[in-house]
Amino acid sequence: MLFARLIKLYRRQEGAAMVEAALVVPLLIFIFASIGQFGFIFAANSNMVDVVRETTRTMAVGEITSAEADAFAQARLLYPLTYTVTATGNSAGGNDVTVTISAPMSEVAFLDIFDLLGNDPLSNTLTMRCESGTCD
């Protein structure tokens, strides 16, 4: 009699779906948030690569100087992050132009809960040879 009652209690399914949902929903939210986070990092990095390439090329052909490169790059960066633009051209007869754009990972990674991405900035650097022989 007691055994039959225990089996009947064991087979009851009331509330099982709620318990399963309570176990699965936080995991699904974490997975979708991670996909969004890495998508944003990829998009921000892709934009930085395009802008560093465009800025370096514009400096290499002599359309802008290294003093104008910061404003040129900042106008083309899409995401509202604190970017640092460093442009160097050798006006003393050098042949190369180097542009570096970086953003702090603390701003790029808005969901870095477990500090998995670290504190290193997201950075892109490109060096090109000047077409006019000397660059500023």
N, C-alpha and C. Protein backbone atom coordinates (compact mmCIF):
# COMPACT_ATOMS: atom_id res chain seq x y z
N MET A 1 0.81 -1.18 0.00
CA MET A 1 0.00 0.00 0.00
C MET A 1 0.87 1.26 0.00
N LEU A 2 1.82 1.27 0.88
CA LEU A 2 2.73 2.41 0.94
C LEU A 2 3.57 2.51 -0.32
N PHE A 3 4.00 1.38 -0.84
CA PHE A 3 4.80 1.36 -2.06
C PHE A 3 3.99 1.88 -3.25
N ALA A 4 2.75 1.52 -3.34
CA ALA A 4 1.88 1.98 -4.43
C ALA A 4 1.67 3.48 -4.34
N ARG A 5 1.53 4.01 -3.15
CA ARG A 5 1.38 5.45 -2.96
C ARG A 5 2.64 6.22 -3.36
N LEU A 6 3.82 5.68 -3.06
CA LEU A 6 5.07 6.31 -3.44
C LEU A 6 5.25 6.32 -4.96
N ILE A 7 4.88 5.23 -5.62
CA ILE A 7 4.98 5.17 -7.08
C ILE A 7 4.03 6.18 -7.70
N LYS A 8 2.84 6.31 -7.18
CA LYS A 8 1.87 7.27 -7.69
C LYS A 8 2.39 8.70 -7.50
N LEU A 9 3.01 8.98 -6.38
CA LEU A 9 3.59 10.30 -6.12
C LEU A 9 4.77 10.56 -7.05
N TYR A 10 5.55 9.54 -7.34
CA TYR A 10 6.71 9.68 -8.21
C TYR A 10 6.31 9.98 -9.65
N ARG A 11 5.19 9.46 -10.10
CA ARG A 11 4.76 9.62 -11.49
C ARG A 11 4.02 10.92 -11.74
N ARG A 12 3.76 11.68 -10.76
CA ARG A 12 3.07 12.95 -10.96
C ARG A 12 4.01 13.92 -11.67
N GLN A 13 3.52 14.63 -12.66
CA GLN A 13 4.34 15.51 -13.49
C GLN A 13 4.04 16.99 -13.24
N GLU A 14 3.26 17.32 -12.26
CA GLU A 14 2.89 18.71 -12.01
C GLU A 14 4.12 19.51 -11.58
N GLY A 15 4.40 20.58 -12.31
CA GLY A 15 5.53 21.43 -11.98
C GLY A 15 6.83 21.03 -12.62
N ALA A 16 6.88 19.92 -13.33
CA ALA A 16 8.12 19.45 -13.95
C ALA A 16 8.59 20.42 -15.03
N ALA A 17 7.66 20.95 -15.80
CA ALA A 17 8.03 21.89 -16.87
C ALA A 17 8.63 23.16 -16.29
N MET A 18 8.09 23.61 -15.16
CA MET A 18 8.62 24.82 -14.54
C MET A 18 10.05 24.60 -14.02
N VAL A 19 10.31 23.46 -13.47
CA VAL A 19 11.65 23.15 -12.98
C VAL A 19 12.63 23.05 -14.15
N GLU A 20 12.21 22.40 -15.23
CA GLU A 20 13.06 22.30 -16.40
C GLU A 20 13.34 23.68 -16.99
N ALA A 21 12.33 24.53 -17.05
CA ALA A 21 12.52 25.88 -17.57
C ALA A 21 13.45 26.68 -16.67
N ALA A 22 13.33 26.52 -15.37
CA ALA A 22 14.20 27.24 -14.44
C ALA A 22 15.66 26.82 -14.60
N LEU A 23 15.89 25.61 -15.05
CA LEU A 23 17.25 25.16 -15.27
C LEU A 23 17.79 25.56 -16.64
N VAL A 24 16.94 25.63 -17.66
CA VAL A 24 17.39 25.85 -19.03
C VAL A 24 17.40 27.33 -19.42
N VAL A 25 16.44 28.12 -18.97
CA VAL A 25 16.32 29.51 -19.41
C VAL A 25 17.56 30.36 -19.07
N PRO A 26 18.15 30.29 -17.89
CA PRO A 26 19.37 31.08 -17.64
C PRO A 26 20.52 30.70 -18.58
N LEU A 27 20.63 29.43 -18.89
CA LEU A 27 21.67 28.99 -19.81
C LEU A 27 21.43 29.55 -21.22
N LEU A 28 20.20 29.54 -21.68
CA LEU A 28 19.88 30.10 -22.99
C LEU A 28 20.12 31.60 -23.03
N ILE A 29 19.77 32.31 -21.97
CA ILE A 29 20.01 33.75 -21.91
C ILE A 29 21.52 34.03 -21.98
N PHE A 30 22.31 33.25 -21.26
CA PHE A 30 23.77 33.42 -21.30
C PHE A 30 24.32 33.15 -22.70
N ILE A 31 23.84 32.13 -23.36
CA ILE A 31 24.32 31.79 -24.71
C ILE A 31 23.98 32.91 -25.68
N PHE A 32 22.74 33.40 -25.68
CA PHE A 32 22.35 34.46 -26.61
C PHE A 32 23.07 35.78 -26.30
N ALA A 33 23.27 36.08 -25.03
CA ALA A 33 24.02 37.29 -24.68
C ALA A 33 25.48 37.18 -25.13
N SER A 34 26.06 36.00 -25.02
CA SER A 34 27.44 35.80 -25.47
C SER A 34 27.56 35.95 -26.98
N ILE A 35 26.58 35.45 -27.71
CA ILE A 35 26.58 35.61 -29.16
C ILE A 35 26.50 37.09 -29.52
N GLY A 36 25.64 37.83 -28.83
CA GLY A 36 25.55 39.27 -29.07
C GLY A 36 26.83 40.00 -28.71
N GLN A 37 27.45 39.62 -27.61
CA GLN A 37 28.70 40.25 -27.19
C GLN A 37 29.81 40.04 -28.21
N PHE A 38 30.01 38.82 -28.63
CA PHE A 38 31.07 38.55 -29.59
C PHE A 38 30.75 39.13 -30.97
N GLY A 39 29.47 39.22 -31.30
CA GLY A 39 29.08 39.90 -32.53
C GLY A 39 29.44 41.37 -32.49
N PHE A 40 29.22 42.03 -31.35
CA PHE A 40 29.57 43.44 -31.22
C PHE A 40 31.08 43.63 -31.28
N ILE A 41 31.84 42.76 -30.62
CA ILE A 41 33.30 42.85 -30.67
C ILE A 41 33.79 42.68 -32.11
N PHE A 42 33.23 41.71 -32.82
CA PHE A 42 33.62 41.48 -34.21
C PHE A 42 33.27 42.69 -35.08
N ALA A 43 32.08 43.27 -34.90
CA ALA A 43 31.68 44.43 -35.70
C ALA A 43 32.56 45.65 -35.39
N ALA A 44 32.86 45.88 -34.12
CA ALA A 44 33.72 47.01 -33.76
C ALA A 44 35.12 46.83 -34.32
N ASN A 45 35.65 45.61 -34.25
CA ASN A 45 36.98 45.34 -34.79
C ASN A 45 36.98 45.51 -36.31
N SER A 46 35.95 45.04 -36.98
CA SER A 46 35.86 45.18 -38.43
C SER A 46 35.83 46.65 -38.84
N ASN A 47 35.07 47.46 -38.10
CA ASN A 47 35.03 48.90 -38.38
C ASN A 47 36.38 49.54 -38.15
N MET A 48 37.07 49.13 -37.08
CA MET A 48 38.40 49.69 -36.81
C MET A 48 39.40 49.31 -37.90
N VAL A 49 39.32 48.10 -38.42
CA VAL A 49 40.22 47.67 -39.50
C VAL A 49 39.98 48.53 -40.74
N ASP A 50 38.71 48.75 -41.08
CA ASP A 50 38.40 49.57 -42.25
C ASP A 50 38.90 51.00 -42.09
N VAL A 51 38.69 51.57 -40.90
CA VAL A 51 39.08 52.97 -40.68
C VAL A 51 40.60 53.11 -40.62
N VAL A 52 41.31 52.18 -40.01
CA VAL A 52 42.77 52.28 -39.96
C VAL A 52 43.34 52.14 -41.37
N ARG A 53 42.75 51.29 -42.20
CA ARG A 53 43.21 51.15 -43.58
C ARG A 53 42.94 52.43 -44.38
N GLU A 54 41.75 52.99 -44.23
CA GLU A 54 41.42 54.22 -44.96
C GLU A 54 42.26 55.40 -44.50
N THR A 55 42.49 55.52 -43.21
CA THR A 55 43.30 56.63 -42.69
C THR A 55 44.75 56.51 -43.14
N THR A 56 45.30 55.30 -43.06
CA THR A 56 46.69 55.11 -43.48
C THR A 56 46.85 55.37 -44.96
N ARG A 57 45.93 54.90 -45.76
CA ARG A 57 46.01 55.13 -47.21
C ARG A 57 45.90 56.61 -47.54
N THR A 58 45.02 57.32 -46.86
CA THR A 58 44.85 58.75 -47.10
C THR A 58 46.10 59.52 -46.71
N MET A 59 46.77 59.09 -45.64
CA MET A 59 48.04 59.72 -45.27
C MET A 59 49.14 59.37 -46.25
N ALA A 60 49.14 58.14 -46.76
CA ALA A 60 50.21 57.70 -47.66
C ALA A 60 50.17 58.43 -49.00
N VAL A 61 48.98 58.81 -49.44
CA VAL A 61 48.90 59.54 -50.71
C VAL A 61 49.04 61.04 -50.51
N GLY A 62 49.14 61.48 -49.28
CA GLY A 62 49.41 62.88 -48.99
C GLY A 62 48.18 63.77 -48.89
N GLU A 63 46.99 63.18 -48.74
CA GLU A 63 45.78 63.99 -48.62
C GLU A 63 45.61 64.61 -47.24
N ILE A 64 46.10 63.93 -46.20
CA ILE A 64 46.04 64.47 -44.84
C ILE A 64 47.41 64.30 -44.19
N THR A 65 47.64 65.06 -43.12
CA THR A 65 48.87 64.93 -42.35
C THR A 65 48.59 64.12 -41.09
N SER A 66 49.64 63.82 -40.35
CA SER A 66 49.45 63.05 -39.12
C SER A 66 48.66 63.85 -38.09
N ALA A 67 48.72 65.18 -38.15
CA ALA A 67 47.93 66.01 -37.23
C ALA A 67 46.44 65.93 -37.54
N GLU A 68 46.10 65.71 -38.80
CA GLU A 68 44.68 65.64 -39.21
C GLU A 68 44.12 64.21 -39.14
N ALA A 69 44.97 63.23 -38.92
CA ALA A 69 44.54 61.83 -38.96
C ALA A 69 43.56 61.48 -37.85
N ASP A 70 43.72 62.07 -36.67
CA ASP A 70 42.81 61.77 -35.56
C ASP A 70 41.39 62.17 -35.91
N ALA A 71 41.20 63.39 -36.35
CA ALA A 71 39.85 63.86 -36.71
C ALA A 71 39.29 63.07 -37.89
N PHE A 72 40.15 62.73 -38.84
CA PHE A 72 39.73 61.95 -40.00
C PHE A 72 39.20 60.59 -39.57
N ALA A 73 39.94 59.91 -38.70
CA ALA A 73 39.54 58.58 -38.25
C ALA A 73 38.33 58.63 -37.32
N GLN A 74 38.31 59.59 -36.40
CA GLN A 74 37.18 59.68 -35.45
C GLN A 74 35.86 59.91 -36.18
N ALA A 75 35.90 60.62 -37.31
CA ALA A 75 34.67 60.88 -38.06
C ALA A 75 34.14 59.62 -38.73
N ARG A 76 34.97 58.61 -38.92
CA ARG A 76 34.57 57.40 -39.63
C ARG A 76 34.31 56.20 -38.71
N LEU A 77 34.64 56.31 -37.45
CA LEU A 77 34.40 55.22 -36.50
C LEU A 77 32.93 55.22 -36.10
N LEU A 78 32.28 54.08 -36.18
CA LEU A 78 30.82 54.00 -36.04
C LEU A 78 30.32 53.87 -34.61
N TYR A 79 31.04 53.17 -33.77
CA TYR A 79 30.52 52.80 -32.46
C TYR A 79 30.94 53.82 -31.40
N PRO A 80 30.08 54.10 -30.43
CA PRO A 80 30.38 55.13 -29.42
C PRO A 80 31.34 54.63 -28.34
N LEU A 81 32.59 54.49 -28.72
CA LEU A 81 33.64 54.05 -27.79
C LEU A 81 34.68 55.15 -27.69
N THR A 82 35.55 55.05 -26.70
CA THR A 82 36.65 55.99 -26.54
C THR A 82 37.83 55.47 -27.32
N TYR A 83 37.99 55.95 -28.55
CA TYR A 83 39.07 55.49 -29.42
C TYR A 83 40.31 56.34 -29.22
N THR A 84 41.46 55.71 -29.34
CA THR A 84 42.74 56.41 -29.34
C THR A 84 43.37 56.21 -30.71
N VAL A 85 43.63 57.31 -31.41
CA VAL A 85 44.21 57.25 -32.75
C VAL A 85 45.62 57.81 -32.67
N THR A 86 46.60 57.02 -33.10
CA THR A 86 47.98 57.44 -33.14
C THR A 86 48.47 57.32 -34.57
N ALA A 87 48.87 58.44 -35.15
CA ALA A 87 49.35 58.44 -36.53
C ALA A 87 50.76 59.03 -36.55
N THR A 88 51.65 58.32 -37.20
CA THR A 88 53.03 58.80 -37.33
C THR A 88 53.45 58.73 -38.78
N GLY A 89 54.03 59.81 -39.23
CA GLY A 89 54.64 59.87 -40.54
C GLY A 89 56.00 60.51 -40.35
N ASN A 90 56.97 60.09 -41.08
CA ASN A 90 58.32 60.60 -40.88
C ASN A 90 58.56 61.75 -41.86
N SER A 91 58.49 62.97 -41.37
CA SER A 91 58.69 64.13 -42.23
C SER A 91 60.16 64.39 -42.51
N ALA A 92 61.05 63.63 -41.88
CA ALA A 92 62.49 63.82 -42.09
C ALA A 92 63.01 62.90 -43.20
N GLY A 93 62.19 62.58 -44.15
CA GLY A 93 62.66 61.79 -45.28
C GLY A 93 62.30 60.32 -45.20
N GLY A 94 61.44 59.94 -44.27
CA GLY A 94 61.06 58.53 -44.16
C GLY A 94 60.07 58.13 -45.23
N ASN A 95 59.85 56.85 -45.34
CA ASN A 95 58.99 56.34 -46.39
C ASN A 95 57.71 55.68 -45.88
N ASP A 96 57.52 55.58 -44.57
CA ASP A 96 56.38 54.84 -44.04
C ASP A 96 55.45 55.72 -43.22
N VAL A 97 54.19 55.33 -43.23
CA VAL A 97 53.14 55.95 -42.41
C VAL A 97 52.56 54.83 -41.56
N THR A 98 52.39 55.07 -40.27
CA THR A 98 51.80 54.08 -39.37
C THR A 98 50.63 54.71 -38.63
N VAL A 99 49.51 54.01 -38.62
CA VAL A 99 48.32 54.45 -37.90
C VAL A 99 47.88 53.31 -36.99
N THR A 100 47.60 53.66 -35.73
CA THR A 100 47.09 52.70 -34.75
C THR A 100 45.81 53.25 -34.16
N ILE A 101 44.77 52.42 -34.13
CA ILE A 101 43.51 52.78 -33.50
C ILE A 101 43.23 51.72 -32.44
N SER A 102 42.93 52.18 -31.22
CA SER A 102 42.63 51.24 -30.14
C SER A 102 41.45 51.75 -29.32
N ALA A 103 40.77 50.81 -28.70
CA ALA A 103 39.64 51.11 -27.82
C ALA A 103 39.76 50.20 -26.60
N PRO A 104 39.45 50.71 -25.40
CA PRO A 104 39.57 49.87 -24.20
C PRO A 104 38.57 48.72 -24.22
N MET A 105 39.03 47.53 -23.88
CA MET A 105 38.16 46.36 -23.89
C MET A 105 37.04 46.48 -22.86
N SER A 106 37.24 47.29 -21.83
CA SER A 106 36.18 47.48 -20.84
C SER A 106 34.96 48.16 -21.44
N GLU A 107 35.15 48.95 -22.51
CA GLU A 107 34.02 49.57 -23.19
C GLU A 107 33.46 48.68 -24.29
N VAL A 108 34.33 47.94 -24.96
CA VAL A 108 33.89 47.08 -26.05
C VAL A 108 33.10 45.89 -25.49
N ALA A 109 33.57 45.31 -24.40
CA ALA A 109 32.93 44.14 -23.81
C ALA A 109 31.95 44.57 -22.74
N PHE A 110 30.72 44.81 -23.14
CA PHE A 110 29.73 45.28 -22.17
C PHE A 110 29.19 44.17 -21.29
N LEU A 111 29.45 42.90 -21.61
CA LEU A 111 28.98 41.78 -20.80
C LEU A 111 30.12 40.90 -20.30
N ASP A 112 31.27 41.44 -20.04
CA ASP A 112 32.41 40.64 -19.60
C ASP A 112 32.27 40.35 -18.11
N ILE A 113 31.36 39.47 -17.79
CA ILE A 113 31.02 39.18 -16.39
C ILE A 113 32.16 38.46 -15.68
N PHE A 114 32.75 37.50 -16.34
CA PHE A 114 33.78 36.68 -15.71
C PHE A 114 35.18 37.16 -16.03
N ASP A 115 35.34 38.33 -16.61
CA ASP A 115 36.63 38.91 -17.00
C ASP A 115 37.41 37.95 -17.90
N LEU A 116 36.70 37.36 -18.86
CA LEU A 116 37.31 36.42 -19.79
C LEU A 116 38.12 37.12 -20.87
N LEU A 117 37.77 38.35 -21.21
CA LEU A 117 38.41 39.04 -22.32
C LEU A 117 39.64 39.84 -21.90
N GLY A 118 39.85 40.00 -20.64
CA GLY A 118 41.05 40.69 -20.15
C GLY A 118 40.96 42.20 -20.24
N ASN A 119 42.08 42.85 -19.95
CA ASN A 119 42.13 44.31 -19.92
C ASN A 119 42.88 44.89 -21.10
N ASP A 120 43.41 44.06 -21.99
CA ASP A 120 44.12 44.57 -23.15
C ASP A 120 43.14 45.28 -24.08
N PRO A 121 43.56 46.38 -24.69
CA PRO A 121 42.64 47.09 -25.60
C PRO A 121 42.48 46.34 -26.92
N LEU A 122 41.37 46.60 -27.56
CA LEU A 122 41.15 46.13 -28.93
C LEU A 122 41.89 47.10 -29.83
N SER A 123 42.87 46.62 -30.57
CA SER A 123 43.77 47.51 -31.28
C SER A 123 44.06 47.01 -32.68
N ASN A 124 44.24 47.95 -33.62
CA ASN A 124 44.61 47.65 -35.00
C ASN A 124 45.68 48.63 -35.45
N THR A 125 46.72 48.11 -36.10
CA THR A 125 47.83 48.92 -36.57
C THR A 125 48.10 48.58 -38.03
N LEU A 126 48.41 49.60 -38.82
CA LEU A 126 48.76 49.39 -40.21
C LEU A 126 49.89 50.34 -40.60
N THR A 127 50.86 49.82 -41.35
CA THR A 127 51.96 50.62 -41.86
C THR A 127 51.95 50.53 -43.38
N MET A 128 52.07 51.70 -44.03
CA MET A 128 52.11 51.76 -45.49
C MET A 128 53.25 52.63 -45.95
N ARG A 129 53.75 52.33 -47.11
CA ARG A 129 54.80 53.13 -47.72
C ARG A 129 54.17 54.35 -48.37
N CYS A 130 54.82 55.49 -48.22
CA CYS A 130 54.33 56.73 -48.80
C CYS A 130 54.49 56.70 -50.32
N GLU A 131 53.55 57.27 -51.00
CA GLU A 131 53.65 57.34 -52.46
C GLU A 131 54.45 58.55 -52.91
N SER A 132 54.46 59.58 -52.10
CA SER A 132 55.15 60.80 -52.51
C SER A 132 56.62 60.83 -52.08
N GLY A 133 57.09 59.79 -51.40
CA GLY A 133 58.47 59.73 -50.98
C GLY A 133 58.68 60.13 -49.54
N THR A 134 58.12 61.24 -49.09
CA THR A 134 58.20 61.63 -47.69
C THR A 134 56.79 61.91 -47.19
N CYS A 135 56.56 61.58 -45.97
CA CYS A 135 55.23 61.76 -45.38
C CYS A 135 55.30 62.55 -44.10
N ASP A 136 54.22 63.20 -43.80
CA ASP A 136 54.10 63.88 -42.51
C ASP A 136 52.88 63.33 -41.81
